[in-house]
Every structure is written in C-alpha cells, then in structure tokens.
Amino acid sequence: MNLTEDTKQLITLIDAGVSPFHCVMEAERFLLVAGFAPLELTGRWKLQPGHGYFLPLFDSTLAAFTVGKNLTGRPSLRLEAAHTDWPCLRLKPSPEVSSERYAKLNVEVYGSPILSTWLDRPLSMAGRVSVAGARPMEPETLFVDFGEPLLTIPNLAIHMNPEANEGMKLNPQVDMLPLLAMLTDDLDKDHFFLNRLASEAGCAPKDILDYEICVYNTDSCTFCGLNGEFLSAPRLDNLTSVLACLHGVTSGMRDNGVNMILLYDNEEIGSRTKQGAFSAVTERILEKLFLALGYDRETYLNTVMDGFLLSMDVAHAIHPNHPEKCDIKNRICMGDGVVLKMSSRQSYATDASCIGAIESICRSAEIPYRKFSNRSDMRGGSTLGAISSAELSLRTVDIGVPILAMHSARELMACADQTAIDRLASEFFLV
C-alpha cells in the first residue's frame, strides 16, 4: 500500500472537500498551519517580504501567495491554478418531491457527470445556507455538511428494464431524483428538506433565504491493486491538483519573486462567473498585491505579462479495456507521473518553449513525466490554462495526473502520481 504523506494529505482533502466551499475551508486550514495570514478582498493590504497570505473569494474560490524576502527591481511572477468544483447533482429551490409514500429531492445536473455512476450509492449533501441577518444586504452565511449517507438513487431492476445492459439513457428529471425518506404522518410533506436543513444549520426554517447544496458520494477512499498502488476515490478531479497547488505555495519562496496559487470554482460549467477563471478577479488581486508592495501600474503589467502559469487539471490515462480511445503514439498510463497536456486547438495551453521549461524542471529534479495528446478524431476537454493565458496574457502550461473514469462518482489514479505532481508544483515555485 502506497500510504505516503502525499496520499494521506490527498485523502484528508477529499474527505473534507465535499463541496467547493468545504474545499476552500480545508485549504484555509492547510495554509494557516503553514503560517499564512488571511486577507480580505476589499481590505487594505499591508504586506511584508518573506511572508505568505491567502484570501477566500466568494466562499468557493481562494487565492494564496508568498512575497519574496529580497524584492529588488521588478520581481518575477509564478502562478499555479486548479479548480475546486466537480461534476455532481445540486438541489433546486423547493426540492421536496413526494411519490407514492416516498420523499425525494428535486435536483439538477452540475457539469458533465457520468450519471449512471451515481446510482445505488450512499450519498449525502453539503454546501452553504444564506440566513436572514440584521441588515437586508448582509445575510449571514452558514456552511453545512450532513456528513452521513441520507440519500440514494435506486436503479431500475433489470426485470423492468431488460435492455439495461445494452445501454440506458438516464433522464436527469426522471431518473436522478434521490430518495431521502419514507413519508409519514409526522414528516412535513412540503418542508421535510427545509426542516432538516435548518436543523443542520442551527437556525429556524423561516430564517433560511436560500442555499447552494451539492450531493456528494460518501464512499470512502480505497486502495486497490495487487500492491495497493491505485487509489479509488471521489473527487480526484480536481482535488489532486488543489493539493499540488497547496504543496507548491507552502514549500518555500524565491527571494525576488511572487508565487501565487488560484483555486477557482465553476470550471466544470465554463468558468464564466465572478469566482471563475474567466472573471477579472485574478487581475484585480494581482494589481492590489503589486500596489501594496509599492510598485506602479507599468511595473505590475510588465511583471504579469512576463509571468508563468502552471494550470493543473487531471488527464486521461489509457483505459485497459479501450486502448483504441487514445492517440496511437501519445498514450499515458497511470503511474507515468506528471502529464504535459498538449493540443494544437489550444484547448490546452500549448507552447513549445513553455513546455520546454517545465520539461527542464522535471528532468533536473528527476520528476517522471509524459506528454499527452488526444486522438485527432476526438475532442478532449478544456482547462483553466487556455482561459487564464488569454485573460492574463502570460506563458502557460497545462499539466495534471492521469486518471481513469474521469467525471465518474468515483475515479481511479496511481498513488505515485500525486507525489510527482506535488514535487513539480514545489519545484516550479523554487527554481
């Protein structure tokens, strides 16, 4: 069993990161332990060389950075980015649904999950609740994690669906509504969820204004393989990268440099939100940082355009039963280390000189890596890299760990690959 420190920390993050909000809270805890100080987005920043800082953005995104001890002239800028969200089901307003004597919840699909993998699993819920406060424009935010398997989405028996093994199309509005309880006389048919949510949040049902609640898989992380070399777990996409970013920014700093990580929400739905990679929030954070350090706007702009971003998201490992789905040459196995993701379509940020720089770091530090490209007749996914490089106009490379069953309720990776990406994230911020 490969229970390294990297694997232990990944399991801790997966267990805690049951929603983007909880992922950010766990990242804050990690950074506080490392000695980072909190900042407010709208506050006045007083920064000291040789120190680290972090700020949560709208509860589900986080930025953290270190300031070099000896800043002289124009400092160099290095960035790393990952995302805190994952494909899942999320509750709609007034979610209580009754069917016969069953109490169900009305949900909608977030991102592009493999819906069939959510069936017949123990599921729970987590997220944030907006509660009436003293002033209308300042409601209180409470975070909840039900923490126990309250839900399940039962499959239709093969006797009632003889074609089940020939492929079944699931209707999100019909087939994906989770079962919560049996309806009884003492269960409020119209408010059974709201009442339970209020109990979890520690408030009165009438005080709840709104909520954002994710359904999540409660299955434990499990080692498998003849030598325990694989980790089967929920949310590997993209908490593997979140952990790598946290390792990177806490590993040290460059004397004349600024290192920053950006953990964005909403990558799975296109990033076009105030807390997503497509927003202006990154530029504004960077400008505030450089102004707080006493630099003028020209120096800030020059530093950003001369910066370098390492965009981290998982990659496709070759499937043992479907090798034909991969490129004829650029094929990655789990355990190959860090994947350098390349595409001439620029769905991954691809630039020979930038990739050459990351390759050089891997070679000098003896970090295993491979290059990846999709089949020419298949479109792959997109990442934060292409978005951020266009918005910030800086050099960018897309990397990640290779996994199987991407976007499943439970994914698979080689434990050794987490160590490889953690090492690269640290080296990138030190060289």
Protein backbone atom coordinates (compact mmCIF):
# COMPACT_ATOMS: atom_id res chain seq x y z
CA MET A 1 0.00 0.00 0.00
CA ASN A 2 1.40 3.40 -1.04
CA LEU A 3 0.34 5.38 2.03
CA THR A 4 2.85 8.19 1.57
CA GLU A 5 2.43 11.60 3.17
CA ASP A 6 1.15 12.91 -0.17
CA THR A 7 -1.52 10.21 -0.31
CA LYS A 8 -2.54 10.82 3.31
CA GLN A 9 -2.99 14.53 2.62
CA LEU A 10 -4.97 13.83 -0.55
CA ILE A 11 -7.36 11.55 1.33
CA THR A 12 -7.76 14.19 4.05
CA LEU A 13 -8.61 16.82 1.41
CA ILE A 14 -11.06 14.51 -0.40
CA ASP A 15 -12.83 13.61 2.84
CA ALA A 16 -13.12 17.28 3.82
CA GLY A 17 -13.76 18.79 0.37
CA VAL A 18 -17.36 17.63 -0.03
CA SER A 19 -18.35 20.91 -1.71
CA PRO A 20 -16.33 23.75 -3.24
CA PHE A 21 -16.99 25.74 -0.05
CA HIS A 22 -15.64 22.96 2.15
CA CYS A 23 -12.67 22.51 -0.19
CA VAL A 24 -11.78 26.17 0.32
CA MET A 25 -12.20 25.86 4.09
CA GLU A 26 -9.82 22.88 4.14
CA ALA A 27 -7.34 24.83 2.00
CA GLU A 28 -7.54 27.70 4.50
CA ARG A 29 -6.79 25.29 7.34
CA PHE A 30 -3.78 23.94 5.40
CA LEU A 31 -2.45 27.45 4.83
CA LEU A 32 -3.00 28.58 8.42
CA VAL A 33 -0.97 25.59 9.66
CA ALA A 34 1.78 26.67 7.25
CA GLY A 35 1.82 30.18 8.76
CA PHE A 36 -0.09 32.08 6.07
CA ALA A 37 -2.08 35.13 7.18
CA PRO A 38 -5.65 35.85 5.98
CA LEU A 39 -6.54 38.93 3.92
CA GLU A 40 -9.86 40.42 2.83
CA LEU A 41 -10.58 41.06 -0.82
CA THR A 42 -11.85 44.58 -0.12
CA GLY A 43 -9.44 45.37 2.71
CA ARG A 44 -6.28 47.46 2.69
CA TRP A 45 -3.31 45.14 2.39
CA LYS A 46 -0.09 45.59 4.36
CA LEU A 47 2.31 43.01 3.02
CA GLN A 48 5.73 42.06 4.37
CA PRO A 49 8.55 40.41 2.41
CA GLY A 50 9.14 36.81 3.39
CA HIS A 51 5.52 36.14 4.35
CA GLY A 52 2.55 34.26 2.92
CA TYR A 53 -1.07 35.37 2.64
CA PHE A 54 -4.40 33.98 1.49
CA LEU A 55 -7.88 35.28 0.77
CA PRO A 56 -11.11 33.38 0.12
CA LEU A 57 -13.19 34.76 -2.75
CA PHE A 58 -16.97 34.41 -2.59
CA ASP A 59 -16.55 31.32 -0.35
CA SER A 60 -15.72 28.83 -3.14
CA THR A 61 -12.54 30.28 -4.69
CA LEU A 62 -9.24 31.02 -2.97
CA ALA A 63 -6.01 32.85 -3.76
CA ALA A 64 -2.80 32.48 -1.77
CA PHE A 65 0.64 33.95 -2.34
CA THR A 66 4.11 34.46 -0.93
CA VAL A 67 6.24 37.59 -1.16
CA GLY A 68 9.98 37.09 -1.62
CA LYS A 69 12.36 38.20 1.12
CA ASN A 70 14.51 40.44 -1.07
CA LEU A 71 12.40 42.11 -3.73
CA THR A 72 14.56 44.31 -5.92
CA GLY A 73 13.62 45.98 -9.19
CA ARG A 74 10.87 44.12 -11.00
CA PRO A 75 10.04 40.80 -9.29
CA SER A 76 9.21 37.64 -11.20
CA LEU A 77 5.72 36.16 -11.03
CA ARG A 78 4.77 32.47 -10.94
CA LEU A 79 1.18 31.23 -10.76
CA GLU A 80 -0.46 27.84 -10.27
CA ALA A 81 -4.16 27.19 -10.77
CA ALA A 82 -6.67 24.40 -10.15
CA HIS A 83 -10.43 24.15 -9.60
CA THR A 84 -12.49 23.34 -6.51
CA ASP A 85 -15.67 22.09 -8.17
CA TRP A 86 -16.56 18.68 -9.62
CA PRO A 87 -19.45 17.25 -11.68
CA CYS A 88 -22.35 16.32 -9.43
CA LEU A 89 -26.02 16.89 -8.65
CA ARG A 90 -27.23 20.05 -6.91
CA LEU A 91 -30.52 20.79 -5.19
CA LYS A 92 -33.11 23.06 -6.75
CA PRO A 93 -35.28 25.55 -4.85
CA SER A 94 -38.23 23.94 -3.02
CA PRO A 95 -36.76 20.48 -3.64
CA GLU A 96 -39.35 18.42 -1.76
CA VAL A 97 -40.99 15.87 -4.08
CA SER A 98 -43.39 13.15 -2.99
CA SER A 99 -44.06 9.99 -4.97
CA GLU A 100 -46.35 7.32 -3.54
CA ARG A 101 -45.02 7.07 0.05
CA TYR A 102 -41.52 8.19 -0.85
CA ALA A 103 -39.88 11.53 -0.09
CA LYS A 104 -37.47 12.58 -2.85
CA LEU A 105 -35.40 15.65 -3.70
CA ASN A 106 -35.55 17.64 -6.93
CA VAL A 107 -32.01 18.08 -8.31
CA GLU A 108 -30.28 19.37 -11.41
CA VAL A 109 -27.06 18.26 -13.06
CA TYR A 110 -23.93 20.34 -12.47
CA GLY A 111 -21.20 19.91 -15.07
CA SER A 112 -20.95 16.64 -17.01
CA PRO A 113 -21.04 13.71 -14.60
CA ILE A 114 -21.35 10.09 -15.71
CA LEU A 115 -24.88 9.82 -14.37
CA SER A 116 -25.03 6.03 -14.13
CA THR A 117 -22.17 6.03 -11.60
CA TRP A 118 -24.34 7.94 -9.13
CA LEU A 119 -26.93 5.17 -8.94
CA ASP A 120 -27.15 2.80 -5.96
CA ARG A 121 -24.52 4.66 -3.95
CA PRO A 122 -24.71 6.12 -0.44
CA LEU A 123 -24.96 9.89 -0.95
CA SER A 124 -25.01 12.93 1.29
CA MET A 125 -25.26 16.72 0.95
CA ALA A 126 -23.09 19.73 1.74
CA GLY A 127 -22.92 23.41 0.88
CA ARG A 128 -23.84 26.84 2.18
CA VAL A 129 -27.01 28.43 3.51
CA SER A 130 -27.96 32.11 3.38
CA VAL A 131 -29.77 33.18 6.54
CA ALA A 132 -31.54 36.45 7.33
CA GLY A 133 -29.24 38.85 9.19
CA ALA A 134 -29.57 42.20 10.91
CA ARG A 135 -29.44 44.07 7.57
CA PRO A 136 -31.08 43.02 4.29
CA MET A 137 -27.92 43.47 2.20
CA GLU A 138 -25.79 41.40 4.61
CA PRO A 139 -27.34 37.96 5.12
CA GLU A 140 -25.38 35.51 7.24
CA THR A 141 -23.71 32.56 5.54
CA LEU A 142 -23.66 29.16 7.24
CA PHE A 143 -21.87 26.06 5.97
CA VAL A 144 -23.40 22.63 6.33
CA ASP A 145 -22.27 19.05 5.77
CA PHE A 146 -24.91 16.44 6.55
CA GLY A 147 -21.99 14.03 6.87
CA GLU A 148 -23.97 10.79 6.67
CA PRO A 149 -25.47 8.77 3.80
CA LEU A 150 -29.01 10.14 3.75
CA LEU A 151 -29.67 9.70 0.04
CA THR A 152 -29.57 7.08 -2.67
CA ILE A 153 -30.71 6.95 -6.29
CA PRO A 154 -32.01 3.42 -6.90
CA ASN A 155 -31.51 1.77 -10.24
CA LEU A 156 -34.44 0.29 -12.14
CA ALA A 157 -34.44 -3.52 -11.81
CA ILE A 158 -33.38 -5.39 -14.94
CA HIS A 159 -36.75 -7.19 -14.91
CA MET A 160 -38.40 -3.81 -15.55
CA ASN A 161 -35.70 -2.69 -17.97
CA PRO A 162 -34.42 -5.75 -19.88
CA GLU A 163 -32.25 -3.53 -22.10
CA ALA A 164 -30.28 -2.18 -19.12
CA ASN A 165 -27.05 -3.91 -20.17
CA GLU A 166 -27.41 -2.68 -23.73
CA GLY A 167 -27.03 0.93 -22.72
CA MET A 168 -29.54 3.10 -20.92
CA LYS A 169 -30.14 6.82 -21.32
CA LEU A 170 -30.91 8.46 -17.98
CA ASN A 171 -33.28 11.40 -17.85
CA PRO A 172 -32.00 13.86 -15.20
CA GLN A 173 -35.51 14.98 -14.27
CA VAL A 174 -36.95 11.47 -14.02
CA ASP A 175 -34.17 9.02 -13.17
CA MET A 176 -31.80 11.05 -10.98
CA LEU A 177 -34.01 12.24 -8.12
CA PRO A 178 -32.51 10.94 -4.84
CA LEU A 179 -34.65 9.09 -2.33
CA LEU A 180 -34.48 10.69 1.13
CA ALA A 181 -37.17 9.13 3.33
CA MET A 182 -40.49 7.39 3.70
CA LEU A 183 -43.40 9.78 4.06
CA THR A 184 -45.03 9.50 7.47
CA ASP A 185 -47.69 11.46 9.31
CA ASP A 186 -45.09 13.35 11.36
CA LEU A 187 -42.97 14.27 8.32
CA ASP A 188 -43.97 17.61 6.81
CA LYS A 189 -44.68 16.65 3.21
CA ASP A 190 -43.97 20.12 1.85
CA HIS A 191 -40.98 21.10 4.02
CA PHE A 192 -39.17 17.91 5.04
CA PHE A 193 -35.90 19.04 3.46
CA LEU A 194 -36.10 22.64 4.64
CA ASN A 195 -36.73 21.48 8.20
CA ARG A 196 -33.76 19.11 8.14
CA LEU A 197 -31.54 21.78 6.56
CA ALA A 198 -32.48 24.25 9.30
CA SER A 199 -31.60 21.63 11.91
CA GLU A 200 -28.18 21.07 10.30
CA ALA A 201 -27.53 24.82 10.02
CA GLY A 202 -28.70 25.53 13.58
CA CYS A 203 -31.32 28.08 12.56
CA ALA A 204 -35.08 28.38 12.18
CA PRO A 205 -36.60 27.27 8.85
CA LYS A 206 -38.23 30.70 8.43
CA ASP A 207 -34.79 32.38 8.54
CA ILE A 208 -33.41 30.46 5.55
CA LEU A 209 -33.32 32.70 2.49
CA ASP A 210 -31.50 30.46 0.01
CA TYR A 211 -28.94 27.68 -0.25
CA GLU A 212 -26.40 26.04 -2.56
CA ILE A 213 -26.28 22.33 -1.76
CA CYS A 214 -24.23 19.66 -3.55
CA VAL A 215 -25.00 15.96 -3.49
CA TYR A 216 -21.79 14.03 -2.88
CA ASN A 217 -20.62 10.42 -2.80
CA THR A 218 -19.89 9.26 0.76
CA ASP A 219 -17.89 6.19 -0.30
CA SER A 220 -14.51 6.11 1.46
CA CYS A 221 -11.22 6.41 -0.41
CA THR A 222 -9.92 2.89 -1.04
CA PHE A 223 -6.59 1.44 -2.06
CA CYS A 224 -6.73 -1.32 -4.66
CA GLY A 225 -4.39 -3.22 -6.94
CA LEU A 226 -2.15 -6.18 -6.16
CA ASN A 227 0.28 -3.93 -4.32
CA GLY A 228 -2.18 -1.24 -3.27
CA GLU A 229 -0.79 1.01 -5.99
CA PHE A 230 -4.14 2.54 -7.01
CA LEU A 231 -6.40 4.96 -5.17
CA SER A 232 -10.12 4.71 -5.90
CA ALA A 233 -11.89 7.82 -4.63
CA PRO A 234 -14.45 10.53 -5.33
CA ARG A 235 -13.39 14.00 -6.48
CA LEU A 236 -9.90 13.17 -7.78
CA ASP A 237 -10.86 15.67 -10.47
CA ASN A 238 -9.64 18.08 -9.35
CA LEU A 239 -8.61 17.84 -5.69
CA THR A 240 -5.37 16.15 -6.80
CA SER A 241 -4.42 19.50 -8.35
CA VAL A 242 -5.72 21.57 -5.43
CA LEU A 243 -3.38 19.65 -3.12
CA ALA A 244 -0.46 20.12 -5.52
CA CYS A 245 -1.06 23.89 -5.53
CA LEU A 246 -1.14 23.96 -1.73
CA HIS A 247 2.10 21.98 -1.59
CA GLY A 248 3.67 24.35 -4.08
CA VAL A 249 2.86 27.64 -2.37
CA THR A 250 3.84 26.36 1.10
CA SER A 251 7.10 24.73 0.01
CA GLY A 252 9.14 27.93 0.02
CA MET A 253 9.66 31.13 -1.93
CA ARG A 254 12.03 32.82 -4.32
CA ASP A 255 13.91 35.84 -2.92
CA ASN A 256 12.93 38.15 -5.77
CA GLY A 257 9.62 36.59 -6.70
CA VAL A 258 5.91 36.40 -6.03
CA ASN A 259 4.36 32.92 -6.02
CA MET A 260 0.57 32.64 -6.18
CA ILE A 261 -1.99 29.84 -6.35
CA LEU A 262 -5.55 30.28 -7.59
CA LEU A 263 -8.19 27.71 -6.70
CA TYR A 264 -11.19 28.57 -8.87
CA ASP A 265 -14.81 27.45 -8.70
CA ASN A 266 -17.07 26.75 -11.69
CA GLU A 267 -14.51 25.25 -14.08
CA GLU A 268 -16.91 22.39 -14.78
CA ILE A 269 -19.53 24.79 -16.17
CA GLY A 270 -17.27 27.08 -18.20
CA SER A 271 -15.66 29.42 -15.62
CA ARG A 272 -17.76 32.44 -16.64
CA THR A 273 -18.67 33.53 -13.12
CA LYS A 274 -17.37 36.10 -10.64
CA GLN A 275 -15.43 33.33 -8.90
CA GLY A 276 -14.34 31.54 -12.08
CA ALA A 277 -11.16 31.75 -14.12
CA PHE A 278 -12.92 33.85 -16.77
CA SER A 279 -13.58 36.68 -14.29
CA ALA A 280 -11.46 39.77 -13.71
CA VAL A 281 -10.82 38.80 -10.10
CA THR A 282 -7.30 37.47 -10.75
CA GLU A 283 -6.12 40.68 -12.40
CA ARG A 284 -7.58 42.72 -9.56
CA ILE A 285 -5.91 40.60 -6.89
CA LEU A 286 -2.58 40.84 -8.68
CA GLU A 287 -2.90 44.61 -9.10
CA LYS A 288 -3.78 45.06 -5.42
CA LEU A 289 -0.78 42.93 -4.49
CA PHE A 290 1.67 44.96 -6.55
CA LEU A 291 0.22 48.28 -5.41
CA ALA A 292 0.53 47.12 -1.79
CA LEU A 293 4.20 46.36 -2.44
CA GLY A 294 4.74 49.89 -3.75
CA TYR A 295 5.03 49.18 -7.47
CA ASP A 296 3.43 51.34 -10.15
CA ARG A 297 0.95 50.05 -12.72
CA GLU A 298 3.51 49.76 -15.51
CA THR A 299 5.69 47.50 -13.36
CA TYR A 300 2.63 45.44 -12.46
CA LEU A 301 1.63 45.00 -16.12
CA ASN A 302 5.16 44.12 -17.20
CA THR A 303 5.51 41.59 -14.39
CA VAL A 304 2.23 39.87 -15.25
CA MET A 305 2.99 39.64 -18.95
CA ASP A 306 6.41 38.20 -18.12
CA GLY A 307 4.87 35.71 -15.66
CA PHE A 308 4.34 31.97 -15.95
CA LEU A 309 1.23 29.93 -15.08
CA LEU A 310 1.09 26.22 -14.34
CA SER A 311 -2.54 25.18 -14.93
CA MET A 312 -3.38 21.88 -13.21
CA ASP A 313 -6.22 19.52 -14.03
CA VAL A 314 -6.47 15.76 -14.38
CA ALA A 315 -5.59 13.97 -17.64
CA HIS A 316 -6.88 10.84 -19.36
CA ALA A 317 -4.94 7.65 -18.70
CA ILE A 318 -5.17 4.93 -21.32
CA HIS A 319 -8.08 2.60 -20.50
CA PRO A 320 -7.06 -1.05 -20.13
CA ASN A 321 -10.21 -2.24 -21.95
CA HIS A 322 -10.34 0.54 -24.54
CA PRO A 323 -6.82 1.46 -25.69
CA GLU A 324 -8.31 2.43 -29.07
CA LYS A 325 -9.75 5.57 -27.46
CA CYS A 326 -6.27 7.07 -27.09
CA ASP A 327 -3.84 8.54 -29.59
CA ILE A 328 -1.72 6.00 -31.47
CA LYS A 329 1.50 7.44 -30.01
CA ASN A 330 0.89 9.81 -27.11
CA ARG A 331 -0.57 7.35 -24.61
CA ILE A 332 -0.34 7.76 -20.84
CA CYS A 333 -0.64 5.06 -18.19
CA MET A 334 -1.45 5.65 -14.56
CA GLY A 335 1.89 5.74 -12.77
CA ASP A 336 3.69 7.61 -15.57
CA GLY A 337 3.96 10.74 -13.41
CA VAL A 338 3.00 14.25 -14.45
CA VAL A 339 1.16 14.64 -17.75
CA LEU A 340 2.03 17.60 -20.00
CA LYS A 341 -1.23 18.18 -21.89
CA MET A 342 -0.91 19.38 -25.47
CA SER A 343 -3.37 20.37 -28.20
CA SER A 344 -2.92 22.39 -31.38
CA ARG A 345 -6.54 23.55 -30.89
CA GLN A 346 -5.28 25.31 -27.73
CA SER A 347 -7.93 23.62 -25.59
CA TYR A 348 -4.81 23.01 -23.54
CA ALA A 349 -2.30 25.86 -23.42
CA THR A 350 0.39 24.53 -25.76
CA ASP A 351 3.62 26.37 -26.43
CA ALA A 352 6.89 24.59 -27.18
CA SER A 353 9.13 26.99 -25.25
CA CYS A 354 6.84 26.92 -22.19
CA ILE A 355 6.58 23.15 -22.20
CA GLY A 356 10.33 23.00 -22.64
CA ALA A 357 10.77 24.99 -19.42
CA ILE A 358 8.57 22.56 -17.45
CA GLU A 359 10.36 19.59 -19.02
CA SER A 360 13.67 21.06 -17.89
CA ILE A 361 12.41 21.30 -14.30
CA CYS A 362 11.19 17.70 -14.43
CA ARG A 363 14.49 16.46 -15.82
CA SER A 364 16.69 18.34 -13.35
CA ALA A 365 14.56 17.24 -10.37
CA GLU A 366 14.07 13.69 -11.76
CA ILE A 367 10.28 14.01 -11.73
CA PRO A 368 8.60 11.44 -14.02
CA TYR A 369 6.51 12.98 -16.82
CA ARG A 370 4.95 12.20 -20.18
CA LYS A 371 3.37 14.23 -22.98
CA PHE A 372 -0.29 13.73 -23.87
CA SER A 373 -2.39 14.50 -26.92
CA ASN A 374 -5.93 13.39 -27.74
CA ARG A 375 -6.84 11.30 -30.78
CA SER A 376 -7.20 13.53 -33.82
CA ASP A 377 -10.81 12.43 -34.33
CA MET A 378 -11.88 13.03 -30.73
CA ARG A 379 -12.32 16.31 -28.87
CA GLY A 380 -10.88 16.45 -25.39
CA GLY A 381 -11.95 18.68 -22.55
CA SER A 382 -10.75 22.21 -21.94
CA THR A 383 -8.94 23.58 -18.89
CA LEU A 384 -8.23 26.72 -16.93
CA GLY A 385 -4.98 27.16 -18.80
CA ALA A 386 -6.37 28.36 -22.11
CA ILE A 387 -8.78 30.72 -20.32
CA SER A 388 -6.21 32.22 -17.97
CA SER A 389 -3.46 32.59 -20.55
CA ALA A 390 -5.84 34.54 -22.78
CA GLU A 391 -7.14 36.73 -19.95
CA LEU A 392 -3.75 37.46 -18.36
CA SER A 393 -1.55 37.29 -21.48
CA LEU A 394 1.21 35.22 -19.92
CA ARG A 395 3.05 31.97 -20.59
CA THR A 396 1.06 28.89 -19.58
CA VAL A 397 1.38 25.11 -19.49
CA ASP A 398 -1.39 22.60 -18.72
CA ILE A 399 -0.45 19.62 -16.58
CA GLY A 400 -2.18 17.01 -14.41
CA VAL A 401 -2.17 13.46 -13.10
CA PRO A 402 -3.52 10.65 -15.32
CA ILE A 403 -6.75 9.06 -14.07
CA LEU A 404 -9.41 6.63 -15.23
CA ALA A 405 -13.20 7.10 -15.04
CA MET A 406 -12.95 10.89 -15.21
CA HIS A 407 -16.25 12.53 -14.16
CA SER A 408 -17.45 9.34 -12.52
CA ALA A 409 -18.78 9.46 -8.96
CA ARG A 410 -15.62 7.51 -8.19
CA GLU A 411 -12.34 7.84 -10.12
CA LEU A 412 -9.04 5.94 -10.17
CA MET A 413 -5.40 7.05 -10.03
CA ALA A 414 -1.94 5.72 -9.22
CA CYS A 415 -0.78 6.90 -5.80
CA ALA A 416 2.73 7.64 -7.07
CA ASP A 417 1.44 10.29 -9.47
CA GLN A 418 0.31 12.53 -6.61
CA THR A 419 3.87 12.60 -5.32
CA ALA A 420 5.12 13.53 -8.80
CA ILE A 421 2.75 16.49 -9.28
CA ASP A 422 3.33 17.70 -5.71
CA ARG A 423 7.07 17.73 -6.37
CA LEU A 424 6.69 19.62 -9.66
CA ALA A 425 4.39 22.19 -8.04
CA SER A 426 7.04 22.79 -5.37
CA GLU A 427 9.99 22.91 -7.77
CA PHE A 428 8.18 25.34 -10.08
CA PHE A 429 7.94 27.86 -7.22
CA LEU A 430 11.56 27.45 -6.17
CA VAL A 431 13.68 27.48 -9.35
